[in-house]
Amino acid sequence: MEYHAFENSNVFCTGLAFVPKEEEGIEKEEEEDDGWIIAFVHHEDTNLSQVHIIERKKLSGEAIAKITLPCKIPYGFHETLMPISF
């Protein structure tokens, strides 16, 4: 089993979402797990909230992006992701 570990024990996440990779605007069907995991993360020690983007095929590696948010995201927060062409 593969999993993603955060840098210390006082880091928690909520609101996971999977975003599939697309090729030229068409969703790829060959590899359904090819994409990114988006997670809202909170550091209890520093009271810092971030969005982590993790490549699904490298789940046990480092996040490819960490975006610091201006305020705390509450636990239990859920997001909605929509394609640009809705």
PDB file of N, CA and C in Angstrom:
ATOM      1  N   MET A   1       0.836  -1.168   0.000  1.00  0.00           N
ATOM      2  CA  MET A   1       0.000   0.000   0.000  1.00  0.00           C
ATOM      3  C   MET A   1       0.894   1.249   0.000  1.00  0.00           C
ATOM      4  N   GLU A   2       0.542   2.202  -0.815  1.00  0.00           N
ATOM      5  CA  GLU A   2       1.294   3.452  -0.895  1.00  0.00           C
ATOM      6  C   GLU A   2       0.505   4.559  -0.192  1.00  0.00           C
ATOM      7  N   TYR A   3       1.198   5.463   0.485  1.00  0.00           N
ATOM      8  CA  TYR A   3       0.524   6.568   1.169  1.00  0.00           C
ATOM      9  C   TYR A   3       1.430   7.791   1.166  1.00  0.00           C
ATOM     10  N   HIS A   4       0.826   8.945   1.459  1.00  0.00           N
ATOM     11  CA  HIS A   4       1.571  10.201   1.537  1.00  0.00           C
ATOM     12  C   HIS A   4       1.725  10.568   3.010  1.00  0.00           C
ATOM     13  N   ALA A   5       2.937  10.857   3.437  1.00  0.00           N
ATOM     14  CA  ALA A   5       3.199  11.244   4.823  1.00  0.00           C
ATOM     15  C   ALA A   5       3.563  12.727   4.879  1.00  0.00           C
ATOM     16  N   PHE A   6       3.005  13.430   5.849  1.00  0.00           N
ATOM     17  CA  PHE A   6       3.334  14.839   6.052  1.00  0.00           C
ATOM     18  C   PHE A   6       4.606  14.972   6.878  1.00  0.00           C
ATOM     19  N   GLU A   7       5.157  16.188   6.906  1.00  0.00           N
ATOM     20  CA  GLU A   7       6.476  16.400   7.511  1.00  0.00           C
ATOM     21  C   GLU A   7       6.539  16.181   9.022  1.00  0.00           C
ATOM     22  N   ASN A   8       5.424  16.314   9.734  1.00  0.00           N
ATOM     23  CA  ASN A   8       5.437  16.006  11.161  1.00  0.00           C
ATOM     24  C   ASN A   8       4.071  15.522  11.613  1.00  0.00           C
ATOM     25  N   SER A   9       3.978  15.115  12.873  1.00  0.00           N
ATOM     26  CA  SER A   9       2.739  14.489  13.360  1.00  0.00           C
ATOM     27  C   SER A   9       1.615  15.474  13.655  1.00  0.00           C
ATOM     28  N   ASN A  10       1.878  16.764  13.679  1.00  0.00           N
ATOM     29  CA  ASN A  10       0.833  17.755  13.950  1.00  0.00           C
ATOM     30  C   ASN A  10       0.336  18.441  12.681  1.00  0.00           C
ATOM     31  N   VAL A  11       0.378  17.712  11.563  1.00  0.00           N
ATOM     32  CA  VAL A  11      -0.132  18.207  10.288  1.00  0.00           C
ATOM     33  C   VAL A  11      -1.294  17.303   9.889  1.00  0.00           C
ATOM     34  N   PHE A  12      -2.442  17.915   9.603  1.00  0.00           N
ATOM     35  CA  PHE A  12      -3.652  17.159   9.294  1.00  0.00           C
ATOM     36  C   PHE A  12      -4.276  17.695   8.010  1.00  0.00           C
ATOM     37  N   CYS A  13      -4.989  16.821   7.292  1.00  0.00           N
ATOM     38  CA  CYS A  13      -5.607  17.274   6.047  1.00  0.00           C
ATOM     39  C   CYS A  13      -7.087  16.929   6.022  1.00  0.00           C
ATOM     40  N   THR A  14      -7.799  17.608   5.151  1.00  0.00           N
ATOM     41  CA  THR A  14      -9.226  17.390   4.955  1.00  0.00           C
ATOM     42  C   THR A  14      -9.568  17.791   3.523  1.00  0.00           C
ATOM     43  N   GLY A  15     -10.704  17.376   3.064  1.00  0.00           N
ATOM     44  CA  GLY A  15     -11.189  17.812   1.758  1.00  0.00           C
ATOM     45  C   GLY A  15     -10.375  17.337   0.585  1.00  0.00           C
ATOM     46  N   LEU A  16     -10.027  16.046   0.537  1.00  0.00           N
ATOM     47  CA  LEU A  16      -9.252  15.530  -0.580  1.00  0.00           C
ATOM     48  C   LEU A  16     -10.087  15.480  -1.859  1.00  0.00           C
ATOM     49  N   ALA A  17      -9.442  15.799  -2.969  1.00  0.00           N
ATOM     50  CA  ALA A  17     -10.096  15.696  -4.276  1.00  0.00           C
ATOM     51  C   ALA A  17      -9.094  15.161  -5.280  1.00  0.00           C
ATOM     52  N   PHE A  18      -9.568  14.359  -6.223  1.00  0.00           N
ATOM     53  CA  PHE A  18      -8.725  13.843  -7.294  1.00  0.00           C
ATOM     54  C   PHE A  18      -9.056  14.605  -8.571  1.00  0.00           C
ATOM     55  N   VAL A  19      -8.013  15.107  -9.247  1.00  0.00           N
ATOM     56  CA  VAL A  19      -8.169  15.839 -10.501  1.00  0.00           C
ATOM     57  C   VAL A  19      -7.444  15.049 -11.580  1.00  0.00           C
ATOM     58  N   PRO A  20      -8.186  14.457 -12.540  1.00  0.00           N
ATOM     59  CA  PRO A  20      -7.525  13.662 -13.581  1.00  0.00           C
ATOM     60  C   PRO A  20      -6.761  14.531 -14.563  1.00  0.00           C
ATOM     61  N   LYS A  21      -5.655  13.972 -15.088  1.00  0.00           N
ATOM     62  CA  LYS A  21      -4.913  14.661 -16.150  1.00  0.00           C
ATOM     63  C   LYS A  21      -5.718  14.530 -17.440  1.00  0.00           C
ATOM     64  N   GLU A  22      -5.619  15.542 -18.255  1.00  0.00           N
ATOM     65  CA  GLU A  22      -6.291  15.525 -19.547  1.00  0.00           C
ATOM     66  C   GLU A  22      -5.265  15.712 -20.646  1.00  0.00           C
ATOM     67  N   GLU A  23      -5.559  15.180 -21.803  1.00  0.00           N
ATOM     68  CA  GLU A  23      -4.685  15.335 -22.956  1.00  0.00           C
ATOM     69  C   GLU A  23      -5.451  16.056 -24.046  1.00  0.00           C
ATOM     70  N   GLU A  24      -5.015  17.261 -24.376  1.00  0.00           N
ATOM     71  CA  GLU A  24      -5.636  18.092 -25.404  1.00  0.00           C
ATOM     72  C   GLU A  24      -7.136  18.244 -25.170  1.00  0.00           C
ATOM     73  N   GLY A  25      -7.535  18.476 -23.920  1.00  0.00           N
ATOM     74  CA  GLY A  25      -8.931  18.720 -23.602  1.00  0.00           C
ATOM     75  C   GLY A  25      -9.793  17.474 -23.550  1.00  0.00           C
ATOM     76  N   ILE A  26      -9.215  16.293 -23.793  1.00  0.00           N
ATOM     77  CA  ILE A  26      -9.966  15.042 -23.745  1.00  0.00           C
ATOM     78  C   ILE A  26      -9.441  14.216 -22.589  1.00  0.00           C
ATOM     79  N   GLU A  27     -10.338  13.747 -21.753  1.00  0.00           N
ATOM     80  CA  GLU A  27      -9.928  12.967 -20.589  1.00  0.00           C
ATOM     81  C   GLU A  27      -9.289  11.651 -21.029  1.00  0.00           C
ATOM     82  N   LYS A  28      -8.156  11.310 -20.415  1.00  0.00           N
ATOM     83  CA  LYS A  28      -7.457  10.062 -20.737  1.00  0.00           C
ATOM     84  C   LYS A  28      -8.182   8.903 -20.066  1.00  0.00           C
ATOM     85  N   GLU A  29      -8.432   7.847 -20.810  1.00  0.00           N
ATOM     86  CA  GLU A  29      -9.127   6.690 -20.256  1.00  0.00           C
ATOM     87  C   GLU A  29      -8.189   5.532 -19.939  1.00  0.00           C
ATOM     88  N   GLU A  30      -6.968   5.539 -20.512  1.00  0.00           N
ATOM     89  CA  GLU A  30      -6.062   4.415 -20.324  1.00  0.00           C
ATOM     90  C   GLU A  30      -5.647   4.233 -18.864  1.00  0.00           C
ATOM     91  N   GLU A  31      -5.353   5.316 -18.183  1.00  0.00           N
ATOM     92  CA  GLU A  31      -4.860   5.245 -16.816  1.00  0.00           C
ATOM     93  C   GLU A  31      -5.736   6.117 -15.925  1.00  0.00           C
ATOM     94  N   GLU A  32      -6.721   5.505 -15.307  1.00  0.00           N
ATOM     95  CA  GLU A  32      -7.693   6.283 -14.545  1.00  0.00           C
ATOM     96  C   GLU A  32      -7.118   6.924 -13.287  1.00  0.00           C
ATOM     97  N   ASP A  33      -5.938   6.462 -12.828  1.00  0.00           N
ATOM     98  CA  ASP A  33      -5.333   7.057 -11.631  1.00  0.00           C
ATOM     99  C   ASP A  33      -4.262   8.092 -11.975  1.00  0.00           C
ATOM    100  N   ASP A  34      -4.182   8.512 -13.237  1.00  0.00           N
ATOM    101  CA  ASP A  34      -3.189   9.499 -13.658  1.00  0.00           C
ATOM    102  C   ASP A  34      -3.750  10.900 -13.410  1.00  0.00           C
ATOM    103  N   GLY A  35      -3.214  11.575 -12.403  1.00  0.00           N
ATOM    104  CA  GLY A  35      -3.701  12.901 -12.058  1.00  0.00           C
ATOM    105  C   GLY A  35      -3.083  13.391 -10.763  1.00  0.00           C
ATOM    106  N   TRP A  36      -3.776  14.297 -10.107  1.00  0.00           N
ATOM    107  CA  TRP A  36      -3.280  14.916  -8.878  1.00  0.00           C
ATOM    108  C   TRP A  36      -4.297  14.782  -7.768  1.00  0.00           C
ATOM    109  N   ILE A  37      -3.795  14.770  -6.544  1.00  0.00           N
ATOM    110  CA  ILE A  37      -4.644  14.838  -5.358  1.00  0.00           C
ATOM    111  C   ILE A  37      -4.459  16.220  -4.767  1.00  0.00           C
ATOM    112  N   ILE A  38      -5.572  16.892  -4.525  1.00  0.00           N
ATOM    113  CA  ILE A  38      -5.575  18.223  -3.917  1.00  0.00           C
ATOM    114  C   ILE A  38      -6.035  18.050  -2.463  1.00  0.00           C
ATOM    115  N   ALA A  39      -5.261  18.546  -1.514  1.00  0.00           N
ATOM    116  CA  ALA A  39      -5.596  18.392  -0.097  1.00  0.00           C
ATOM    117  C   ALA A  39      -5.464  19.726   0.628  1.00  0.00           C
ATOM    118  N   PHE A  40      -6.439  20.037   1.460  1.00  0.00           N
ATOM    119  CA  PHE A  40      -6.339  21.187   2.358  1.00  0.00           C
ATOM    120  C   PHE A  40      -5.644  20.695   3.614  1.00  0.00           C
ATOM    121  N   VAL A  41      -4.548  21.350   3.991  1.00  0.00           N
ATOM    122  CA  VAL A  41      -3.672  20.890   5.069  1.00  0.00           C
ATOM    123  C   VAL A  41      -3.569  21.980   6.132  1.00  0.00           C
ATOM    124  N   HIS A  42      -3.582  21.558   7.396  1.00  0.00           N
ATOM    125  CA  HIS A  42      -3.408  22.518   8.499  1.00  0.00           C
ATOM    126  C   HIS A  42      -2.280  22.050   9.407  1.00  0.00           C
ATOM    127  N   HIS A  43      -1.353  22.967   9.712  1.00  0.00           N
ATOM    128  CA  HIS A  43      -0.230  22.723  10.618  1.00  0.00           C
ATOM    129  C   HIS A  43      -0.646  23.235  12.000  1.00  0.00           C
ATOM    130  N   GLU A  44      -0.921  22.335  12.915  1.00  0.00           N
ATOM    131  CA  GLU A  44      -1.371  22.722  14.257  1.00  0.00           C
ATOM    132  C   GLU A  44      -0.310  23.515  15.020  1.00  0.00           C
ATOM    133  N   ASP A  45       0.965  23.202  14.829  1.00  0.00           N
ATOM    134  CA  ASP A  45       2.034  23.888  15.564  1.00  0.00           C
ATOM    135  C   ASP A  45       2.157  25.362  15.184  1.00  0.00           C
ATOM    136  N   THR A  46       1.934  25.680  13.919  1.00  0.00           N
ATOM    137  CA  THR A  46       2.131  27.049  13.439  1.00  0.00           C
ATOM    138  C   THR A  46       0.823  27.752  13.065  1.00  0.00           C
ATOM    139  N   ASN A  47      -0.308  27.022  13.117  1.00  0.00           N
ATOM    140  CA  ASN A  47      -1.628  27.534  12.741  1.00  0.00           C
ATOM    141  C   ASN A  47      -1.649  27.994  11.273  1.00  0.00           C
ATOM    142  N   LEU A  48      -0.894  27.305  10.425  1.00  0.00           N
ATOM    143  CA  LEU A  48      -0.773  27.631   9.008  1.00  0.00           C
ATOM    144  C   LEU A  48      -1.616  26.659   8.190  1.00  0.00           C
ATOM    145  N   SER A  49      -2.413  27.191   7.259  1.00  0.00           N
ATOM    146  CA  SER A  49      -3.187  26.349   6.345  1.00  0.00           C
ATOM    147  C   SER A  49      -2.612  26.454   4.947  1.00  0.00           C
ATOM    148  N   GLN A  50      -2.608  25.330   4.242  1.00  0.00           N
ATOM    149  CA  GLN A  50      -2.075  25.280   2.885  1.00  0.00           C
ATOM    150  C   GLN A  50      -2.935  24.360   2.025  1.00  0.00           C
ATOM    151  N   VAL A  51      -2.770  24.501   0.716  1.00  0.00           N
ATOM    152  CA  VAL A  51      -3.284  23.535  -0.242  1.00  0.00           C
ATOM    153  C   VAL A  51      -2.065  22.783  -0.763  1.00  0.00           C
ATOM    154  N   HIS A  52      -2.095  21.452  -0.686  1.00  0.00           N
ATOM    155  CA  HIS A  52      -1.015  20.629  -1.216  1.00  0.00           C
ATOM    156  C   HIS A  52      -1.512  19.952  -2.486  1.00  0.00           C
ATOM    157  N   ILE A  53      -0.681  19.955  -3.519  1.00  0.00           N
ATOM    158  CA  ILE A  53      -0.980  19.246  -4.753  1.00  0.00           C
ATOM    159  C   ILE A  53       0.031  18.110  -4.856  1.00  0.00           C
ATOM    160  N   ILE A  54      -0.496  16.889  -4.908  1.00  0.00           N
ATOM    161  CA  ILE A  54       0.334  15.693  -4.870  1.00  0.00           C
ATOM    162  C   ILE A  54       0.074  14.885  -6.139  1.00  0.00           C
ATOM    163  N   GLU A  55       1.136  14.513  -6.827  1.00  0.00           N
ATOM    164  CA  GLU A  55       0.970  13.690  -8.027  1.00  0.00           C
ATOM    165  C   GLU A  55       0.588  12.276  -7.605  1.00  0.00           C
ATOM    166  N   ARG A  56      -0.519  11.776  -8.123  1.00  0.00           N
ATOM    167  CA  ARG A  56      -1.045  10.480  -7.704  1.00  0.00           C
ATOM    168  C   ARG A  56      -0.047   9.347  -7.949  1.00  0.00           C
ATOM    169  N   LYS A  57       0.667   9.378  -9.056  1.00  0.00           N
ATOM    170  CA  LYS A  57       1.600   8.300  -9.364  1.00  0.00           C
ATOM    171  C   LYS A  57       2.877   8.375  -8.522  1.00  0.00           C
ATOM    172  N   LYS A  58       3.057   9.455  -7.769  1.00  0.00           N
ATOM    173  CA  LYS A  58       4.203   9.610  -6.868  1.00  0.00           C
ATOM    174  C   LYS A  58       3.675   9.951  -5.475  1.00  0.00           C
ATOM    175  N   LEU A  59       2.663   9.206  -5.042  1.00  0.00           N
ATOM    176  CA  LEU A  59       1.952   9.498  -3.806  1.00  0.00           C
ATOM    177  C   LEU A  59       2.860   9.575  -2.587  1.00  0.00           C
ATOM    178  N   SER A  60       3.873   8.735  -2.519  1.00  0.00           N
ATOM    179  CA  SER A  60       4.748   8.735  -1.342  1.00  0.00           C
ATOM    180  C   SER A  60       5.823   9.818  -1.410  1.00  0.00           C
ATOM    181  N   GLY A  61       5.902  10.570  -2.513  1.00  0.00           N
ATOM    182  CA  GLY A  61       6.893  11.633  -2.654  1.00  0.00           C
ATOM    183  C   GLY A  61       6.409  12.962  -2.085  1.00  0.00           C
ATOM    184  N   GLU A  62       7.185  13.986  -2.312  1.00  0.00           N
ATOM    185  CA  GLU A  62       6.845  15.337  -1.866  1.00  0.00           C
ATOM    186  C   GLU A  62       5.681  15.904  -2.685  1.00  0.00           C
ATOM    187  N   ALA A  63       4.943  16.823  -2.111  1.00  0.00           N
ATOM    188  CA  ALA A  63       3.915  17.545  -2.859  1.00  0.00           C
ATOM    189  C   ALA A  63       4.593  18.356  -3.960  1.00  0.00           C
ATOM    190  N   ILE A  64       3.976  18.427  -5.143  1.00  0.00           N
ATOM    191  CA  ILE A  64       4.583  19.198  -6.229  1.00  0.00           C
ATOM    192  C   ILE A  64       4.321  20.689  -6.054  1.00  0.00           C
ATOM    193  N   ALA A  65       3.337  21.038  -5.216  1.00  0.00           N
ATOM    194  CA  ALA A  65       3.076  22.448  -4.904  1.00  0.00           C
ATOM    195  C   ALA A  65       2.445  22.547  -3.525  1.00  0.00           C
ATOM    196  N   LYS A  66       2.813  23.609  -2.802  1.00  0.00           N
ATOM    197  CA  LYS A  66       2.219  23.928  -1.498  1.00  0.00           C
ATOM    198  C   LYS A  66       1.851  25.399  -1.540  1.00  0.00           C
ATOM    199  N   ILE A  67       0.564  25.680  -1.435  1.00  0.00           N
ATOM    200  CA  ILE A  67       0.068  27.055  -1.530  1.00  0.00           C
ATOM    201  C   ILE A  67      -0.413  27.477  -0.146  1.00  0.00           C
ATOM    202  N   THR A  68       0.226  28.486   0.433  1.00  0.00           N
ATOM    203  CA  THR A  68      -0.153  28.974   1.757  1.00  0.00           C
ATOM    204  C   THR A  68      -1.396  29.848   1.642  1.00  0.00           C
ATOM    205  N   LEU A  69      -2.358  29.601   2.519  1.00  0.00           N
ATOM    206  CA  LEU A  69      -3.625  30.328   2.509  1.00  0.00           C
ATOM    207  C   LEU A  69      -3.609  31.436   3.559  1.00  0.00           C
ATOM    208  N   PRO A  70      -4.386  32.500   3.355  1.00  0.00           N
ATOM    209  CA  PRO A  70      -4.365  33.630   4.285  1.00  0.00           C
ATOM    210  C   PRO A  70      -5.093  33.390   5.606  1.00  0.00           C
ATOM    211  N   CYS A  71      -5.857  32.298   5.699  1.00  0.00           N
ATOM    212  CA  CYS A  71      -6.577  32.014   6.946  1.00  0.00           C
ATOM    213  C   CYS A  71      -6.722  30.505   7.113  1.00  0.00           C
ATOM    214  N   LYS A  72      -7.129  30.089   8.306  1.00  0.00           N
ATOM    215  CA  LYS A  72      -7.288  28.665   8.595  1.00  0.00           C
ATOM    216  C   LYS A  72      -8.502  28.113   7.846  1.00  0.00           C
ATOM    217  N   ILE A  73      -8.327  26.940   7.262  1.00  0.00           N
ATOM    218  CA  ILE A  73      -9.432  26.220   6.644  1.00  0.00           C
ATOM    219  C   ILE A  73      -9.964  25.262   7.708  1.00  0.00           C
ATOM    220  N   PRO A  74     -11.251  25.341   8.022  1.00  0.00           N
ATOM    221  CA  PRO A  74     -11.778  24.489   9.095  1.00  0.00           C
ATOM    222  C   PRO A  74     -11.767  23.012   8.714  1.00  0.00           C
ATOM    223  N   TYR A  75     -11.583  22.141   9.716  1.00  0.00           N
ATOM    224  CA  TYR A  75     -11.656  20.708   9.477  1.00  0.00           C
ATOM    225  C   TYR A  75     -13.072  20.377   9.014  1.00  0.00           C
ATOM    226  N   GLY A  76     -13.170  19.462   8.070  1.00  0.00           N
ATOM    227  CA  GLY A  76     -14.466  19.108   7.514  1.00  0.00           C
ATOM    228  C   GLY A  76     -14.824  19.913   6.285  1.00  0.00           C
ATOM    229  N   PHE A  77     -13.955  20.843   5.882  1.00  0.00           N
ATOM    230  CA  PHE A  77     -14.193  21.663   4.694  1.00  0.00           C
ATOM    231  C   PHE A  77     -14.181  20.773   3.456  1.00  0.00           C
ATOM    232  N   HIS A  78     -15.121  21.001   2.550  1.00  0.00           N
ATOM    233  CA  HIS A  78     -15.178  20.250   1.289  1.00  0.00           C
ATOM    234  C   HIS A  78     -15.203  21.240   0.144  1.00  0.00           C
ATOM    235  N   GLU A  79     -14.572  20.863  -0.945  1.00  0.00           N
ATOM    236  CA  GLU A  79     -14.463  21.756  -2.087  1.00  0.00           C
ATOM    237  C   GLU A  79     -15.237  21.192  -3.271  1.00  0.00           C
ATOM    238  N   THR A  80     -15.444  22.038  -4.268  1.00  0.00           N
ATOM    239  CA  THR A  80     -16.038  21.622  -5.534  1.00  0.00           C
ATOM    240  C   THR A  80     -15.111  22.092  -6.633  1.00  0.00           C
ATOM    241  N   LEU A  81     -14.655  21.176  -7.461  1.00  0.00           N
ATOM    242  CA  LEU A  81     -13.793  21.511  -8.582  1.00  0.00           C
ATOM    243  C   LEU A  81     -14.595  21.350  -9.853  1.00  0.00           C
ATOM    244  N   MET A  82     -14.547  22.373 -10.718  1.00  0.00           N
ATOM    245  CA  MET A  82     -15.300  22.323 -11.966  1.00  0.00           C
ATOM    246  C   MET A  82     -14.363  22.618 -13.129  1.00  0.00           C
ATOM    247  N   PRO A  83     -14.595  21.966 -14.263  1.00  0.00           N
ATOM    248  CA  PRO A  83     -13.775  22.290 -15.437  1.00  0.00           C
ATOM    249  C   PRO A  83     -14.050  23.714 -15.886  1.00  0.00           C
ATOM    250  N   ILE A  84     -13.082  24.330 -16.538  1.00  0.00           N
ATOM    251  CA  ILE A  84     -13.234  25.714 -16.995  1.00  0.00           C
ATOM    252  C   ILE A  84     -14.397  25.834 -17.980  1.00  0.00           C
ATOM    253  N   SER A  85     -14.631  24.818 -18.769  1.00  0.00           N
ATOM    254  CA  SER A  85     -15.665  24.881 -19.810  1.00  0.00           C
ATOM    255  C   SER A  85     -17.016  24.368 -19.319  1.00  0.00           C
ATOM    256  N   PHE A  86     -17.452  24.789 -18.128  1.00  0.00           N
ATOM    257  CA  PHE A  86     -18.734  24.291 -17.613  1.00  0.00           C
ATOM    258  C   PHE A  86     -19.872  24.963 -18.245  1.00  0.00           C
TER     259      PHE A  86
END
